[in-house]
Amino acid sequence: MRRLIKYLLYTKLIRPITRSEGSIRQVSWGVGLGVFFALTPTVGIQMYAVALVWALCRYLLNAHFNLPVAIAMVWISNPLTMIPLYYLFLVSGYAVMETQEKLSFALFDNKLSSFSEMESTWDSIVEATRFLIIDLGWPMVVGSLVYAIPGGILSYWITAYMLSRYRQQRLKHNQFLSKGSQTADQPLN
């Protein structure tokens, strides 16, 4: 199980960053925006939201970020991590807003799980959206921003630093290999 998690983290999160040919700035912006959207209660529309922001940045603001990397990062939150993340956002929102209203994790989990058991997909989407937006909306949005803003900023700077180091090491390695192949081709005296 541990090897599977390590493999998935590498192939789905790290590899898109290291294989990207964009500038360090564009890749870092992609990671930052992807992590920001991953840490908001928008599972299901995150990729569309990132694509919309990308189009606005590219065509209206003439700013660029790496779209494939941003889309890869939004998968930090997914159907498996959605319930714990949403509950964390909700509890954090209650704390920030100093709301007395509380919701236990078991009740929260049961309520969200009941939507996936509905017969009609459309009814499931409508009811889950109503529950999340109307019943829990503002506390969850406020709570998510507690994580999304610092998460996006930190991931930008960490990616810029790590990708810069990675590319420098890769350049040194390639130079070493090219020097080694040149000396191997020379005749021995």
C-alpha atoms as a PDB file:
ATOM      1  CA  MET A   1       0.000   0.000   0.000  1.00  0.00           C
ATOM      2  CA  ARG A   2       2.849   2.332   0.900  1.00  0.00           C
ATOM      3  CA  ARG A   3       4.546   1.697  -2.447  1.00  0.00           C
ATOM      4  CA  LEU A   4       1.278   2.369  -4.267  1.00  0.00           C
ATOM      5  CA  ILE A   5       0.818   5.715  -2.519  1.00  0.00           C
ATOM      6  CA  LYS A   6       4.422   6.669  -3.242  1.00  0.00           C
ATOM      7  CA  TYR A   7       4.001   5.658  -6.886  1.00  0.00           C
ATOM      8  CA  LEU A   8       0.760   7.617  -7.267  1.00  0.00           C
ATOM      9  CA  LEU A   9       2.221  10.719  -5.625  1.00  0.00           C
ATOM     10  CA  TYR A  10       5.208  10.590  -7.930  1.00  0.00           C
ATOM     11  CA  THR A  11       3.332   9.882 -11.163  1.00  0.00           C
ATOM     12  CA  LYS A  12       0.373  12.185 -10.565  1.00  0.00           C
ATOM     13  CA  LEU A  13       1.943  15.130  -8.712  1.00  0.00           C
ATOM     14  CA  ILE A  14       5.730  15.187  -9.049  1.00  0.00           C
ATOM     15  CA  ARG A  15       6.257  13.928 -12.607  1.00  0.00           C
ATOM     16  CA  PRO A  16       4.063  16.605 -14.267  1.00  0.00           C
ATOM     17  CA  ILE A  17       6.216  19.240 -12.565  1.00  0.00           C
ATOM     18  CA  THR A  18       9.608  17.754 -13.387  1.00  0.00           C
ATOM     19  CA  ARG A  19       8.719  16.906 -16.981  1.00  0.00           C
ATOM     20  CA  SER A  20       7.201  20.283 -17.711  1.00  0.00           C
ATOM     21  CA  GLU A  21       9.155  22.317 -20.214  1.00  0.00           C
ATOM     22  CA  GLY A  22       7.654  25.655 -19.188  1.00  0.00           C
ATOM     23  CA  SER A  23       9.576  28.293 -17.317  1.00  0.00           C
ATOM     24  CA  ILE A  24      10.022  27.851 -13.586  1.00  0.00           C
ATOM     25  CA  ARG A  25       7.691  30.808 -13.047  1.00  0.00           C
ATOM     26  CA  GLN A  26       4.917  29.331 -15.215  1.00  0.00           C
ATOM     27  CA  VAL A  27       5.178  25.906 -13.602  1.00  0.00           C
ATOM     28  CA  SER A  28       5.237  27.429 -10.101  1.00  0.00           C
ATOM     29  CA  TRP A  29       2.160  29.523 -10.888  1.00  0.00           C
ATOM     30  CA  GLY A  30       0.447  26.392 -12.175  1.00  0.00           C
ATOM     31  CA  VAL A  31       1.220  24.540  -8.950  1.00  0.00           C
ATOM     32  CA  GLY A  32       0.168  27.495  -6.794  1.00  0.00           C
ATOM     33  CA  LEU A  33      -3.172  27.975  -8.550  1.00  0.00           C
ATOM     34  CA  GLY A  34      -3.814  24.233  -8.686  1.00  0.00           C
ATOM     35  CA  VAL A  35      -3.171  23.838  -4.950  1.00  0.00           C
ATOM     36  CA  PHE A  36      -5.333  26.902  -4.224  1.00  0.00           C
ATOM     37  CA  PHE A  37      -8.280  25.367  -6.097  1.00  0.00           C
ATOM     38  CA  ALA A  38      -7.565  21.920  -4.619  1.00  0.00           C
ATOM     39  CA  LEU A  39      -8.023  23.396  -1.147  1.00  0.00           C
ATOM     40  CA  THR A  40     -11.436  24.884  -1.878  1.00  0.00           C
ATOM     41  CA  PRO A  41     -14.778  23.069  -1.614  1.00  0.00           C
ATOM     42  CA  THR A  42     -15.189  22.790  -5.378  1.00  0.00           C
ATOM     43  CA  VAL A  43     -14.578  19.093  -6.146  1.00  0.00           C
ATOM     44  CA  GLY A  44     -16.213  18.415  -9.476  1.00  0.00           C
ATOM     45  CA  ILE A  45     -15.677  21.859 -10.950  1.00  0.00           C
ATOM     46  CA  GLN A  46     -12.051  22.490  -9.982  1.00  0.00           C
ATOM     47  CA  MET A  47     -10.596  21.589 -13.365  1.00  0.00           C
ATOM     48  CA  TYR A  48     -13.134  23.790 -15.131  1.00  0.00           C
ATOM     49  CA  ALA A  49     -12.402  26.657 -12.739  1.00  0.00           C
ATOM     50  CA  VAL A  50      -8.648  26.322 -13.356  1.00  0.00           C
ATOM     51  CA  ALA A  51      -9.220  26.221 -17.125  1.00  0.00           C
ATOM     52  CA  LEU A  52     -11.410  29.333 -16.899  1.00  0.00           C
ATOM     53  CA  VAL A  53      -8.774  31.188 -14.849  1.00  0.00           C
ATOM     54  CA  TRP A  54      -6.120  30.047 -17.344  1.00  0.00           C
ATOM     55  CA  ALA A  55      -8.155  31.417 -20.285  1.00  0.00           C
ATOM     56  CA  LEU A  56      -8.772  34.721 -18.481  1.00  0.00           C
ATOM     57  CA  CYS A  57      -5.087  35.059 -17.580  1.00  0.00           C
ATOM     58  CA  ARG A  58      -3.870  34.091 -21.026  1.00  0.00           C
ATOM     59  CA  TYR A  59      -6.245  36.058 -23.222  1.00  0.00           C
ATOM     60  CA  LEU A  60      -7.272  39.028 -21.090  1.00  0.00           C
ATOM     61  CA  LEU A  61      -4.316  39.622 -18.765  1.00  0.00           C
ATOM     62  CA  ASN A  62      -1.572  38.254 -21.058  1.00  0.00           C
ATOM     63  CA  ALA A  63      -0.242  36.244 -18.110  1.00  0.00           C
ATOM     64  CA  HIS A  64       0.705  32.595 -18.435  1.00  0.00           C
ATOM     65  CA  PHE A  65       0.808  29.589 -16.134  1.00  0.00           C
ATOM     66  CA  ASN A  66       1.170  25.901 -16.840  1.00  0.00           C
ATOM     67  CA  LEU A  67      -2.353  24.524 -17.269  1.00  0.00           C
ATOM     68  CA  PRO A  68      -1.527  20.763 -17.230  1.00  0.00           C
ATOM     69  CA  VAL A  69       0.407  21.168 -13.984  1.00  0.00           C
ATOM     70  CA  ALA A  70      -2.428  23.194 -12.407  1.00  0.00           C
ATOM     71  CA  ILE A  71      -4.951  20.535 -13.395  1.00  0.00           C
ATOM     72  CA  ALA A  72      -2.710  17.802 -11.960  1.00  0.00           C
ATOM     73  CA  MET A  73      -2.536  19.687  -8.649  1.00  0.00           C
ATOM     74  CA  VAL A  74      -6.307  20.009  -8.236  1.00  0.00           C
ATOM     75  CA  TRP A  75      -6.426  16.238  -7.872  1.00  0.00           C
ATOM     76  CA  ILE A  76      -4.975  16.649  -4.381  1.00  0.00           C
ATOM     77  CA  SER A  77      -8.625  16.864  -3.437  1.00  0.00           C
ATOM     78  CA  ASN A  78     -10.626  14.096  -5.033  1.00  0.00           C
ATOM     79  CA  PRO A  79     -13.591  11.886  -4.149  1.00  0.00           C
ATOM     80  CA  LEU A  80     -11.432   9.997  -1.626  1.00  0.00           C
ATOM     81  CA  THR A  81     -10.140  13.071   0.199  1.00  0.00           C
ATOM     82  CA  MET A  82     -13.259  15.204  -0.237  1.00  0.00           C
ATOM     83  CA  ILE A  83     -15.098  14.289   2.966  1.00  0.00           C
ATOM     84  CA  PRO A  84     -12.158  14.802   5.370  1.00  0.00           C
ATOM     85  CA  LEU A  85     -11.127  18.033   3.609  1.00  0.00           C
ATOM     86  CA  TYR A  86     -14.643  19.433   3.535  1.00  0.00           C
ATOM     87  CA  TYR A  87     -15.102  18.644   7.213  1.00  0.00           C
ATOM     88  CA  LEU A  88     -11.776  20.333   8.012  1.00  0.00           C
ATOM     89  CA  PHE A  89     -12.895  23.388   6.030  1.00  0.00           C
ATOM     90  CA  LEU A  90     -16.227  23.410   7.864  1.00  0.00           C
ATOM     91  CA  VAL A  91     -14.720  23.137  11.345  1.00  0.00           C
ATOM     92  CA  SER A  92     -12.139  25.808  10.492  1.00  0.00           C
ATOM     93  CA  GLY A  93     -14.874  28.053   9.139  1.00  0.00           C
ATOM     94  CA  TYR A  94     -16.891  27.625  12.321  1.00  0.00           C
ATOM     95  CA  ALA A  95     -13.799  28.573  14.341  1.00  0.00           C
ATOM     96  CA  VAL A  96     -12.964  31.627  12.217  1.00  0.00           C
ATOM     97  CA  MET A  97     -16.568  32.831  12.161  1.00  0.00           C
ATOM     98  CA  GLU A  98     -17.027  31.932  15.842  1.00  0.00           C
ATOM     99  CA  THR A  99     -20.235  30.086  15.015  1.00  0.00           C
ATOM    100  CA  GLN A 100     -21.870  28.099  17.789  1.00  0.00           C
ATOM    101  CA  GLU A 101     -23.461  25.690  15.309  1.00  0.00           C
ATOM    102  CA  LYS A 102     -21.491  22.438  15.139  1.00  0.00           C
ATOM    103  CA  LEU A 103     -21.738  19.345  12.976  1.00  0.00           C
ATOM    104  CA  SER A 104     -20.162  16.041  13.978  1.00  0.00           C
ATOM    105  CA  PHE A 105     -17.935  14.252  11.479  1.00  0.00           C
ATOM    106  CA  ALA A 106     -20.154  11.148  11.539  1.00  0.00           C
ATOM    107  CA  LEU A 107     -23.265  13.175  10.639  1.00  0.00           C
ATOM    108  CA  PHE A 108     -21.323  15.075   7.975  1.00  0.00           C
ATOM    109  CA  ASP A 109     -19.953  11.834   6.460  1.00  0.00           C
ATOM    110  CA  ASN A 110     -23.381  10.152   6.511  1.00  0.00           C
ATOM    111  CA  LYS A 111     -25.038  13.140   4.868  1.00  0.00           C
ATOM    112  CA  LEU A 112     -22.469  13.340   2.034  1.00  0.00           C
ATOM    113  CA  SER A 113     -22.435   9.569   1.566  1.00  0.00           C
ATOM    114  CA  SER A 114     -26.225   9.493   1.264  1.00  0.00           C
ATOM    115  CA  PHE A 115     -26.006  11.671  -1.852  1.00  0.00           C
ATOM    116  CA  SER A 116     -23.899   9.105  -3.690  1.00  0.00           C
ATOM    117  CA  GLU A 117     -26.498   6.419  -2.916  1.00  0.00           C
ATOM    118  CA  MET A 118     -29.318   8.277  -4.670  1.00  0.00           C
ATOM    119  CA  GLU A 119     -30.657   6.602  -7.793  1.00  0.00           C
ATOM    120  CA  SER A 120     -30.526   9.645 -10.041  1.00  0.00           C
ATOM    121  CA  THR A 121     -27.153  11.283 -10.618  1.00  0.00           C
ATOM    122  CA  TRP A 122     -28.847  14.614 -11.242  1.00  0.00           C
ATOM    123  CA  ASP A 123     -30.808  14.420  -7.954  1.00  0.00           C
ATOM    124  CA  SER A 124     -27.591  13.525  -6.158  1.00  0.00           C
ATOM    125  CA  ILE A 125     -25.796  16.552  -7.604  1.00  0.00           C
ATOM    126  CA  VAL A 126     -28.697  18.900  -6.833  1.00  0.00           C
ATOM    127  CA  GLU A 127     -29.121  17.710  -3.243  1.00  0.00           C
ATOM    128  CA  ALA A 128     -25.379  17.679  -2.495  1.00  0.00           C
ATOM    129  CA  THR A 129     -25.022  21.176  -3.950  1.00  0.00           C
ATOM    130  CA  ARG A 130     -27.973  22.451  -1.919  1.00  0.00           C
ATOM    131  CA  PHE A 131     -26.544  20.924   1.266  1.00  0.00           C
ATOM    132  CA  LEU A 132     -23.029  22.216   0.669  1.00  0.00           C
ATOM    133  CA  ILE A 133     -23.973  25.710  -0.529  1.00  0.00           C
ATOM    134  CA  ILE A 134     -27.047  26.535   1.522  1.00  0.00           C
ATOM    135  CA  ASP A 135     -26.562  24.545   4.724  1.00  0.00           C
ATOM    136  CA  LEU A 136     -22.773  24.641   5.039  1.00  0.00           C
ATOM    137  CA  GLY A 137     -21.646  27.145   2.428  1.00  0.00           C
ATOM    138  CA  TRP A 138     -20.135  30.173   4.095  1.00  0.00           C
ATOM    139  CA  PRO A 139     -18.407  28.428   6.994  1.00  0.00           C
ATOM    140  CA  MET A 140     -16.895  25.939   4.546  1.00  0.00           C
ATOM    141  CA  VAL A 141     -15.762  28.624   2.085  1.00  0.00           C
ATOM    142  CA  VAL A 142     -14.226  30.736   4.854  1.00  0.00           C
ATOM    143  CA  GLY A 143     -12.568  27.672   6.368  1.00  0.00           C
ATOM    144  CA  SER A 144     -11.147  26.588   3.017  1.00  0.00           C
ATOM    145  CA  LEU A 145      -9.542  29.984   2.468  1.00  0.00           C
ATOM    146  CA  VAL A 146      -7.602  29.458   5.703  1.00  0.00           C
ATOM    147  CA  TYR A 147      -5.785  26.637   3.861  1.00  0.00           C
ATOM    148  CA  ALA A 148      -6.115  27.626   0.184  1.00  0.00           C
ATOM    149  CA  ILE A 149      -4.393  31.011   0.365  1.00  0.00           C
ATOM    150  CA  PRO A 150      -1.302  29.939   2.358  1.00  0.00           C
ATOM    151  CA  GLY A 151      -1.254  26.592   0.513  1.00  0.00           C
ATOM    152  CA  GLY A 152      -1.205  28.277  -2.883  1.00  0.00           C
ATOM    153  CA  ILE A 153       1.468  30.794  -1.859  1.00  0.00           C
ATOM    154  CA  LEU A 154       3.699  28.224  -0.145  1.00  0.00           C
ATOM    155  CA  SER A 155       3.404  25.731  -2.989  1.00  0.00           C
ATOM    156  CA  TYR A 156       4.409  28.452  -5.468  1.00  0.00           C
ATOM    157  CA  TRP A 157       7.613  29.267  -3.581  1.00  0.00           C
ATOM    158  CA  ILE A 158       8.471  25.664  -2.735  1.00  0.00           C
ATOM    159  CA  THR A 159       7.971  24.634  -6.369  1.00  0.00           C
ATOM    160  CA  ALA A 160      10.079  27.525  -7.657  1.00  0.00           C
ATOM    161  CA  TYR A 161      12.920  26.573  -5.301  1.00  0.00           C
ATOM    162  CA  MET A 162      12.720  22.797  -5.829  1.00  0.00           C
ATOM    163  CA  LEU A 163      12.263  22.979  -9.612  1.00  0.00           C
ATOM    164  CA  SER A 164      15.183  25.390  -9.908  1.00  0.00           C
ATOM    165  CA  ARG A 165      17.407  22.980  -7.964  1.00  0.00           C
ATOM    166  CA  TYR A 166      16.124  19.997  -9.952  1.00  0.00           C
ATOM    167  CA  ARG A 167      16.846  21.662 -13.292  1.00  0.00           C
ATOM    168  CA  GLN A 168      20.322  22.769 -12.163  1.00  0.00           C
ATOM    169  CA  GLN A 169      21.161  19.233 -11.056  1.00  0.00           C
ATOM    170  CA  ARG A 170      19.796  17.787 -14.286  1.00  0.00           C
ATOM    171  CA  LEU A 171      21.888  20.260 -16.306  1.00  0.00           C
ATOM    172  CA  LYS A 172      25.042  19.316 -14.356  1.00  0.00           C
ATOM    173  CA  HIS A 173      24.252  15.624 -14.832  1.00  0.00           C
ATOM    174  CA  ASN A 174      23.747  16.072 -18.586  1.00  0.00           C
ATOM    175  CA  GLN A 175      26.993  18.051 -18.845  1.00  0.00           C
ATOM    176  CA  PHE A 176      28.799  15.302 -16.947  1.00  0.00           C
ATOM    177  CA  LEU A 177      27.381  12.659 -19.270  1.00  0.00           C
ATOM    178  CA  SER A 178      28.324  14.628 -22.371  1.00  0.00           C
ATOM    179  CA  LYS A 179      31.902  15.100 -21.079  1.00  0.00           C
ATOM    180  CA  GLY A 180      32.112  11.393 -20.333  1.00  0.00           C
ATOM    181  CA  SER A 181      31.004  10.434 -23.835  1.00  0.00           C
ATOM    182  CA  GLN A 182      33.518  12.843 -25.397  1.00  0.00           C
ATOM    183  CA  THR A 183      36.425  11.334 -23.469  1.00  0.00           C
ATOM    184  CA  ALA A 184      35.260   7.802 -24.278  1.00  0.00           C
ATOM    185  CA  ASP A 185      35.389   8.579 -28.015  1.00  0.00           C
ATOM    186  CA  GLN A 186      38.972   9.859 -27.870  1.00  0.00           C
ATOM    187  CA  PRO A 187      41.687   7.329 -28.663  1.00  0.00           C
ATOM    188  CA  LEU A 188      43.915   6.124 -25.853  1.00  0.00           C
ATOM    189  CA  ASN A 189      47.627   7.032 -26.182  1.00  0.00           C
END
